[in-house]
Structures are given as C-alpha cells and as structure tokens.
Amino acid sequence: MTKTTWLIIDNTENAKTELTYYHFGKAPQFPTWYFEDGHNYEVEMIWSFKLINTFKLFFKCLFHQYVIK
C-alpha cells in the first residue's frame, strides 16, 4: 500500500491542486470527474511513501480514497 501526493496544474485556468492518494502498487486511478475535456493538465508526483499494512489503511486503499486540497 502506498500514499502518494500529486501536484495537478490546469494550464487552461492557471489553477493548482494537490491530491493525496492511497492506492495499491505504482499506478493510482485518478478520479475521472476531476479532469475536464478541452483542458491542458500537468501531473507531477511530489511525494510517495510506502505504508505499513493496517486494517484502516487497507480499506482506504481498497476504495481508492483521496484527499483534494
């Protein structure tokens, strides 16, 4: 299980968003509703941390929980 933090920059509207994501493996599934058609995005991983397997963290990863700031 891994916790990663991503910086998402919308070049169309000049907006920055930080996304913290809990997932299994190396390829997280970003929320599809977040990205809009016709926009130009830059996505950069700024932090990654392997988590200790606990019951609570397992369910965060299982349901692909994320925090958007």
N, C-alpha and C. Protein backbone atom coordinates (compact mmCIF):
# COMPACT_ATOMS: atom_id res chain seq x y z
N MET A 1 0.84 -1.18 0.00
CA MET A 1 0.00 0.00 0.00
C MET A 1 0.89 1.24 0.00
N THR A 2 0.45 2.22 -0.73
CA THR A 2 1.25 3.42 -0.92
C THR A 2 0.40 4.67 -0.77
N LYS A 3 1.00 5.71 -0.21
CA LYS A 3 0.37 7.03 -0.13
C LYS A 3 1.22 7.95 -0.99
N THR A 4 0.60 8.55 -2.01
CA THR A 4 1.34 9.47 -2.88
C THR A 4 0.64 10.83 -2.90
N THR A 5 1.43 11.85 -3.10
CA THR A 5 0.91 13.21 -3.23
C THR A 5 1.29 13.71 -4.61
N TRP A 6 0.28 14.23 -5.32
CA TRP A 6 0.44 14.68 -6.69
C TRP A 6 0.12 16.16 -6.78
N LEU A 7 0.82 16.85 -7.64
CA LEU A 7 0.52 18.24 -7.96
C LEU A 7 -0.09 18.25 -9.36
N ILE A 8 -1.33 18.74 -9.45
CA ILE A 8 -2.04 18.79 -10.72
C ILE A 8 -2.21 20.25 -11.10
N ILE A 9 -1.66 20.63 -12.24
CA ILE A 9 -1.72 22.01 -12.70
C ILE A 9 -2.60 22.06 -13.95
N ASP A 10 -3.65 22.87 -13.87
CA ASP A 10 -4.54 23.10 -15.02
C ASP A 10 -4.02 24.33 -15.74
N ASN A 11 -3.35 24.13 -16.86
CA ASN A 11 -2.76 25.23 -17.61
C ASN A 11 -3.81 26.10 -18.29
N THR A 12 -5.00 25.55 -18.51
CA THR A 12 -6.07 26.31 -19.16
C THR A 12 -6.60 27.40 -18.23
N GLU A 13 -6.83 27.06 -16.96
CA GLU A 13 -7.37 28.03 -16.00
C GLU A 13 -6.33 28.54 -15.01
N ASN A 14 -5.08 28.10 -15.18
CA ASN A 14 -3.96 28.51 -14.32
C ASN A 14 -4.26 28.20 -12.84
N ALA A 15 -4.71 26.96 -12.56
CA ALA A 15 -5.06 26.54 -11.21
C ALA A 15 -4.18 25.36 -10.79
N LYS A 16 -3.82 25.31 -9.50
CA LYS A 16 -3.02 24.21 -8.96
C LYS A 16 -3.83 23.48 -7.89
N THR A 17 -3.72 22.15 -7.89
CA THR A 17 -4.40 21.32 -6.93
C THR A 17 -3.43 20.28 -6.41
N GLU A 18 -3.49 20.01 -5.11
CA GLU A 18 -2.68 18.96 -4.51
C GLU A 18 -3.60 17.79 -4.20
N LEU A 19 -3.24 16.59 -4.66
CA LEU A 19 -4.05 15.40 -4.48
C LEU A 19 -3.25 14.37 -3.71
N THR A 20 -3.75 13.97 -2.54
CA THR A 20 -3.14 12.90 -1.76
C THR A 20 -3.97 11.65 -2.00
N TYR A 21 -3.30 10.56 -2.37
CA TYR A 21 -4.00 9.37 -2.85
C TYR A 21 -3.45 8.12 -2.17
N TYR A 22 -4.35 7.26 -1.71
CA TYR A 22 -3.99 5.96 -1.12
C TYR A 22 -4.29 4.89 -2.16
N HIS A 23 -3.31 4.02 -2.47
CA HIS A 23 -3.52 3.03 -3.51
C HIS A 23 -2.58 1.85 -3.34
N PHE A 24 -2.87 0.77 -4.05
CA PHE A 24 -2.00 -0.39 -4.12
C PHE A 24 -1.11 -0.23 -5.34
N GLY A 25 0.14 -0.57 -5.23
CA GLY A 25 1.02 -0.56 -6.40
C GLY A 25 1.47 0.82 -6.82
N LYS A 26 1.87 0.93 -8.10
CA LYS A 26 2.50 2.16 -8.58
C LYS A 26 1.63 3.02 -9.48
N ALA A 27 0.46 2.55 -9.89
CA ALA A 27 -0.35 3.31 -10.83
C ALA A 27 -1.72 3.63 -10.23
N PRO A 28 -1.86 4.79 -9.59
CA PRO A 28 -3.16 5.14 -8.99
C PRO A 28 -4.19 5.48 -10.06
N GLN A 29 -5.45 5.33 -9.69
CA GLN A 29 -6.55 5.70 -10.58
C GLN A 29 -7.05 7.07 -10.15
N PHE A 30 -6.78 8.08 -10.95
CA PHE A 30 -7.25 9.43 -10.62
C PHE A 30 -8.75 9.50 -10.84
N PRO A 31 -9.44 10.33 -10.06
CA PRO A 31 -10.89 10.46 -10.25
C PRO A 31 -11.22 11.02 -11.63
N THR A 32 -12.03 10.30 -12.39
CA THR A 32 -12.32 10.70 -13.77
C THR A 32 -13.13 11.99 -13.84
N TRP A 33 -13.92 12.29 -12.81
CA TRP A 33 -14.74 13.51 -12.83
C TRP A 33 -13.89 14.76 -12.67
N TYR A 34 -12.65 14.60 -12.19
CA TYR A 34 -11.80 15.77 -11.92
C TYR A 34 -11.29 16.42 -13.20
N PHE A 35 -10.89 15.60 -14.18
CA PHE A 35 -10.31 16.12 -15.41
C PHE A 35 -11.40 16.46 -16.41
N GLU A 36 -11.37 17.68 -16.93
CA GLU A 36 -12.38 18.15 -17.89
C GLU A 36 -11.84 18.07 -19.30
N ASP A 37 -12.73 17.84 -20.24
CA ASP A 37 -12.35 17.82 -21.66
C ASP A 37 -11.95 19.21 -22.11
N GLY A 38 -10.96 19.29 -22.98
CA GLY A 38 -10.52 20.56 -23.53
C GLY A 38 -9.56 21.33 -22.64
N HIS A 39 -9.13 20.74 -21.52
CA HIS A 39 -8.17 21.39 -20.63
C HIS A 39 -6.81 20.73 -20.77
N ASN A 40 -5.77 21.50 -20.53
CA ASN A 40 -4.40 21.00 -20.60
C ASN A 40 -3.87 20.87 -19.17
N TYR A 41 -3.54 19.63 -18.75
CA TYR A 41 -3.10 19.37 -17.38
C TYR A 41 -1.65 18.91 -17.35
N GLU A 42 -0.94 19.28 -16.29
CA GLU A 42 0.36 18.72 -15.96
C GLU A 42 0.20 18.00 -14.64
N VAL A 43 0.65 16.74 -14.57
CA VAL A 43 0.52 15.95 -13.35
C VAL A 43 1.92 15.54 -12.92
N GLU A 44 2.29 15.86 -11.68
CA GLU A 44 3.63 15.58 -11.17
C GLU A 44 3.52 14.96 -9.78
N MET A 45 4.19 13.82 -9.58
CA MET A 45 4.22 13.21 -8.26
C MET A 45 5.27 13.94 -7.43
N ILE A 46 4.86 14.47 -6.26
CA ILE A 46 5.81 15.22 -5.45
C ILE A 46 6.20 14.47 -4.18
N TRP A 47 5.48 13.37 -3.86
CA TRP A 47 5.81 12.63 -2.65
C TRP A 47 5.21 11.24 -2.74
N SER A 48 5.95 10.22 -2.30
CA SER A 48 5.47 8.84 -2.29
C SER A 48 5.99 8.16 -1.04
N PHE A 49 5.12 7.40 -0.37
CA PHE A 49 5.51 6.76 0.88
C PHE A 49 4.82 5.41 0.98
N LYS A 50 5.60 4.36 1.23
CA LYS A 50 5.05 3.02 1.41
C LYS A 50 4.52 2.91 2.83
N LEU A 51 3.27 2.46 2.97
CA LEU A 51 2.59 2.40 4.26
C LEU A 51 2.67 1.02 4.89
N ILE A 52 2.61 0.99 6.21
CA ILE A 52 2.54 -0.26 6.95
C ILE A 52 1.12 -0.80 6.78
N ASN A 53 0.98 -2.09 6.55
CA ASN A 53 -0.33 -2.68 6.31
C ASN A 53 -1.15 -2.74 7.60
N THR A 54 -2.16 -1.88 7.69
CA THR A 54 -3.10 -1.92 8.81
C THR A 54 -4.51 -2.05 8.23
N PHE A 55 -5.45 -2.46 9.05
CA PHE A 55 -6.82 -2.66 8.60
C PHE A 55 -7.43 -1.38 8.06
N LYS A 56 -7.22 -0.27 8.77
CA LYS A 56 -7.78 1.02 8.36
C LYS A 56 -7.19 1.48 7.03
N LEU A 57 -5.87 1.38 6.86
CA LEU A 57 -5.22 1.78 5.61
C LEU A 57 -5.59 0.86 4.46
N PHE A 58 -5.82 -0.43 4.77
CA PHE A 58 -6.23 -1.37 3.73
C PHE A 58 -7.54 -0.91 3.07
N PHE A 59 -8.51 -0.46 3.88
CA PHE A 59 -9.78 -0.02 3.32
C PHE A 59 -9.66 1.32 2.59
N LYS A 60 -8.76 2.20 3.04
CA LYS A 60 -8.51 3.43 2.29
C LYS A 60 -7.99 3.10 0.90
N CYS A 61 -7.09 2.14 0.81
CA CYS A 61 -6.53 1.74 -0.48
C CYS A 61 -7.55 0.98 -1.31
N LEU A 62 -8.33 0.12 -0.66
CA LEU A 62 -9.30 -0.70 -1.36
C LEU A 62 -10.34 0.16 -2.09
N PHE A 63 -10.76 1.22 -1.44
CA PHE A 63 -11.77 2.10 -2.04
C PHE A 63 -11.16 3.33 -2.70
N HIS A 64 -9.84 3.31 -2.92
CA HIS A 64 -9.12 4.39 -3.61
C HIS A 64 -9.48 5.75 -3.01
N GLN A 65 -9.30 5.87 -1.70
CA GLN A 65 -9.61 7.14 -1.04
C GLN A 65 -8.57 8.18 -1.41
N TYR A 66 -9.03 9.43 -1.60
CA TYR A 66 -8.13 10.52 -1.94
C TYR A 66 -8.58 11.77 -1.22
N VAL A 67 -7.66 12.72 -1.06
CA VAL A 67 -7.93 14.00 -0.42
C VAL A 67 -7.47 15.08 -1.38
N ILE A 68 -8.37 15.99 -1.73
CA ILE A 68 -8.04 17.09 -2.65
C ILE A 68 -7.95 18.38 -1.86
N LYS A 69 -6.85 19.11 -2.04
CA LYS A 69 -6.67 20.41 -1.36
C LYS A 69 -6.63 21.50 -2.40
